[in-house]
């Protein structure tokens, strides 16, 4: 979803690690605050998850694994 929402075409899903920080240089995604907003819109439309503050989202959800936990918290 991140690759699609942020129009990332230079990295395939297989090249991206679930533990690398999404907004870091190490990820190779080159994402910024506008991309965080795009991701939050995608999460709302696909998973009905609302993110009020994209800056807070970037602080709390730093990896794919954390994003998965955010979308589907343990009960």
N, C-alpha and C. Protein backbone atom coordinates (compact mmCIF):
# COMPACT_ATOMS: atom_id res chain seq x y z
N UNK A 1 0.81 -1.17 0.00
CA UNK A 1 0.00 0.00 0.00
C UNK A 1 0.87 1.26 0.00
N UNK A 2 1.94 1.26 0.77
CA UNK A 2 2.83 2.42 0.84
C UNK A 2 3.44 2.70 -0.54
N UNK A 3 3.93 1.67 -1.19
CA UNK A 3 4.54 1.85 -2.51
C UNK A 3 3.53 2.42 -3.50
N UNK A 4 2.31 1.93 -3.43
CA UNK A 4 1.25 2.39 -4.33
C UNK A 4 0.81 3.81 -4.00
N UNK A 5 0.52 4.09 -2.75
CA UNK A 5 0.02 5.41 -2.34
C UNK A 5 1.05 6.51 -2.59
N UNK A 6 2.32 6.19 -2.47
CA UNK A 6 3.37 7.20 -2.61
C UNK A 6 4.04 7.16 -3.98
N UNK A 7 3.48 6.39 -4.91
CA UNK A 7 4.01 6.28 -6.27
C UNK A 7 5.49 5.93 -6.30
N UNK A 8 5.88 4.97 -5.47
CA UNK A 8 7.27 4.50 -5.44
C UNK A 8 7.40 3.36 -6.45
N UNK A 9 8.17 3.60 -7.48
CA UNK A 9 8.32 2.60 -8.54
C UNK A 9 9.72 2.02 -8.61
N UNK A 10 10.68 2.65 -7.92
CA UNK A 10 12.07 2.22 -8.03
C UNK A 10 12.44 1.11 -7.04
N UNK A 11 11.49 0.72 -6.18
CA UNK A 11 11.72 -0.36 -5.21
C UNK A 11 10.55 -1.33 -5.29
N UNK A 12 10.85 -2.62 -5.35
CA UNK A 12 9.79 -3.61 -5.35
C UNK A 12 9.49 -4.04 -3.92
N UNK A 13 8.36 -4.65 -3.74
CA UNK A 13 7.94 -5.12 -2.42
C UNK A 13 8.97 -6.08 -1.83
N UNK A 14 9.56 -6.92 -2.66
CA UNK A 14 10.54 -7.89 -2.20
C UNK A 14 11.83 -7.24 -1.70
N UNK A 15 12.12 -6.04 -2.16
CA UNK A 15 13.34 -5.34 -1.77
C UNK A 15 13.19 -4.59 -0.45
N UNK A 16 11.99 -4.48 0.04
CA UNK A 16 11.73 -3.67 1.21
C UNK A 16 11.57 -4.54 2.45
N UNK A 17 12.33 -4.25 3.49
CA UNK A 17 12.30 -5.02 4.74
C UNK A 17 11.21 -4.52 5.67
N UNK A 18 10.57 -5.43 6.39
CA UNK A 18 9.52 -5.07 7.35
C UNK A 18 10.06 -4.37 8.59
N UNK A 19 11.38 -4.41 8.76
CA UNK A 19 11.96 -3.83 9.97
C UNK A 19 12.72 -2.53 9.73
N UNK A 20 12.89 -2.13 8.48
CA UNK A 20 13.59 -0.88 8.20
C UNK A 20 12.64 0.29 8.46
N UNK A 21 13.20 1.39 8.92
CA UNK A 21 12.37 2.56 9.20
C UNK A 21 11.88 3.17 7.89
N UNK A 22 10.58 3.28 7.77
CA UNK A 22 9.92 3.71 6.54
C UNK A 22 10.42 5.08 6.07
N UNK A 23 10.57 6.03 6.99
CA UNK A 23 10.92 7.40 6.64
C UNK A 23 12.42 7.69 6.76
N UNK A 24 13.24 6.64 6.77
CA UNK A 24 14.69 6.83 6.87
C UNK A 24 15.33 6.75 5.49
N UNK A 25 16.56 7.24 5.40
CA UNK A 25 17.32 7.12 4.16
C UNK A 25 17.59 5.66 3.82
N UNK A 26 17.74 4.84 4.87
CA UNK A 26 18.02 3.41 4.70
C UNK A 26 16.93 2.70 3.91
N UNK A 27 15.68 3.16 4.03
CA UNK A 27 14.58 2.50 3.34
C UNK A 27 14.68 2.66 1.83
N UNK A 28 15.30 3.76 1.38
CA UNK A 28 15.40 4.01 -0.05
C UNK A 28 14.11 4.53 -0.67
N UNK A 29 13.09 4.77 0.15
CA UNK A 29 11.80 5.21 -0.37
C UNK A 29 11.73 6.71 -0.63
N UNK A 30 12.58 7.48 0.03
CA UNK A 30 12.60 8.93 -0.11
C UNK A 30 11.24 9.56 0.20
N UNK A 31 10.64 9.15 1.31
CA UNK A 31 9.32 9.65 1.70
C UNK A 31 9.45 10.92 2.53
N UNK A 32 8.43 11.77 2.45
CA UNK A 32 8.41 13.01 3.22
C UNK A 32 7.05 13.16 3.90
N UNK A 33 6.78 14.34 4.44
CA UNK A 33 5.54 14.56 5.18
C UNK A 33 4.31 14.44 4.28
N UNK A 34 4.43 14.81 3.03
CA UNK A 34 3.29 14.64 2.11
C UNK A 34 3.01 13.16 1.87
N UNK A 35 4.05 12.37 1.82
CA UNK A 35 3.86 10.93 1.68
C UNK A 35 3.19 10.34 2.92
N UNK A 36 3.55 10.86 4.10
CA UNK A 36 2.89 10.41 5.33
C UNK A 36 1.40 10.69 5.26
N UNK A 37 1.04 11.84 4.71
CA UNK A 37 -0.36 12.18 4.53
C UNK A 37 -1.03 11.22 3.55
N UNK A 38 -0.36 10.91 2.45
CA UNK A 38 -0.89 9.96 1.48
C UNK A 38 -1.09 8.58 2.11
N UNK A 39 -0.15 8.16 2.94
CA UNK A 39 -0.27 6.87 3.62
C UNK A 39 -1.47 6.89 4.55
N UNK A 40 -1.66 7.98 5.27
CA UNK A 40 -2.80 8.06 6.20
C UNK A 40 -4.12 8.01 5.44
N UNK A 41 -4.18 8.64 4.27
CA UNK A 41 -5.39 8.59 3.45
C UNK A 41 -5.63 7.15 2.98
N UNK A 42 -4.56 6.48 2.57
CA UNK A 42 -4.68 5.08 2.15
C UNK A 42 -5.13 4.16 3.27
N UNK A 43 -4.62 4.40 4.47
CA UNK A 43 -5.03 3.59 5.63
C UNK A 43 -6.51 3.81 5.93
N UNK A 44 -6.97 5.04 5.81
CA UNK A 44 -8.38 5.35 6.06
C UNK A 44 -9.26 4.64 5.05
N UNK A 45 -8.90 4.72 3.78
CA UNK A 45 -9.75 4.14 2.74
C UNK A 45 -9.70 2.61 2.71
N UNK A 46 -8.55 2.03 2.99
CA UNK A 46 -8.43 0.57 2.90
C UNK A 46 -8.75 -0.17 4.19
N UNK A 47 -8.41 0.44 5.34
CA UNK A 47 -8.55 -0.27 6.61
C UNK A 47 -9.44 0.45 7.61
N UNK A 48 -10.03 1.58 7.20
CA UNK A 48 -10.87 2.39 8.07
C UNK A 48 -10.13 2.81 9.35
N UNK A 49 -8.83 3.09 9.20
CA UNK A 49 -7.99 3.54 10.30
C UNK A 49 -7.78 5.04 10.12
N UNK A 50 -8.11 5.80 11.15
CA UNK A 50 -7.99 7.26 11.07
C UNK A 50 -6.74 7.71 11.80
N UNK A 51 -5.97 8.58 11.13
CA UNK A 51 -4.77 9.16 11.71
C UNK A 51 -4.96 10.68 11.72
N UNK A 52 -5.09 11.23 12.90
CA UNK A 52 -5.39 12.66 13.02
C UNK A 52 -4.17 13.54 12.73
N UNK A 53 -2.99 13.08 13.08
CA UNK A 53 -1.79 13.91 12.98
C UNK A 53 -0.69 13.13 12.26
N UNK A 54 -0.32 13.56 11.05
CA UNK A 54 0.69 12.82 10.28
C UNK A 54 2.06 12.87 10.94
N UNK A 55 2.37 13.95 11.67
CA UNK A 55 3.65 14.01 12.39
C UNK A 55 3.68 12.97 13.50
N UNK A 56 2.59 12.84 14.22
CA UNK A 56 2.51 11.82 15.27
C UNK A 56 2.60 10.43 14.67
N UNK A 57 1.96 10.24 13.54
CA UNK A 57 2.02 8.96 12.83
C UNK A 57 3.47 8.62 12.50
N UNK A 58 4.22 9.57 11.97
CA UNK A 58 5.63 9.34 11.61
C UNK A 58 6.48 9.01 12.83
N UNK A 59 6.13 9.57 13.99
CA UNK A 59 6.87 9.26 15.22
C UNK A 59 6.53 7.88 15.76
N UNK A 60 5.27 7.50 15.68
CA UNK A 60 4.80 6.25 16.29
C UNK A 60 4.97 5.03 15.40
N UNK A 61 4.77 5.19 14.11
CA UNK A 61 4.81 4.07 13.17
C UNK A 61 6.02 4.25 12.28
N UNK A 62 7.10 3.57 12.65
CA UNK A 62 8.35 3.79 11.92
C UNK A 62 8.73 2.63 10.99
N UNK A 63 8.14 1.45 11.19
CA UNK A 63 8.46 0.29 10.35
C UNK A 63 7.17 -0.35 9.84
N UNK A 64 7.30 -1.24 8.88
CA UNK A 64 6.14 -1.98 8.37
C UNK A 64 5.52 -2.81 9.49
N UNK A 65 6.35 -3.43 10.32
CA UNK A 65 5.83 -4.22 11.43
C UNK A 65 5.01 -3.36 12.39
N UNK A 66 5.48 -2.14 12.68
CA UNK A 66 4.72 -1.23 13.55
C UNK A 66 3.43 -0.78 12.87
N UNK A 67 3.48 -0.60 11.56
CA UNK A 67 2.28 -0.24 10.82
C UNK A 67 1.25 -1.36 10.91
N UNK A 68 1.70 -2.59 10.77
CA UNK A 68 0.78 -3.73 10.90
C UNK A 68 0.16 -3.78 12.29
N UNK A 69 0.96 -3.54 13.32
CA UNK A 69 0.44 -3.51 14.69
C UNK A 69 -0.54 -2.36 14.88
N UNK A 70 -0.28 -1.23 14.23
CA UNK A 70 -1.16 -0.06 14.32
C UNK A 70 -2.52 -0.36 13.69
N UNK A 71 -2.49 -1.04 12.54
CA UNK A 71 -3.73 -1.36 11.82
C UNK A 71 -4.53 -2.43 12.57
N UNK A 72 -3.83 -3.43 13.08
CA UNK A 72 -4.51 -4.55 13.73
C UNK A 72 -3.85 -4.78 15.11
N UNK A 73 -4.21 -3.97 16.10
CA UNK A 73 -3.60 -4.14 17.43
C UNK A 73 -3.98 -5.48 18.06
N UNK A 74 -3.09 -5.98 18.91
CA UNK A 74 -3.36 -7.23 19.61
C UNK A 74 -4.49 -7.01 20.59
N UNK A 75 -5.32 -8.02 20.72
CA UNK A 75 -6.44 -7.92 21.67
C UNK A 75 -6.13 -8.64 22.94
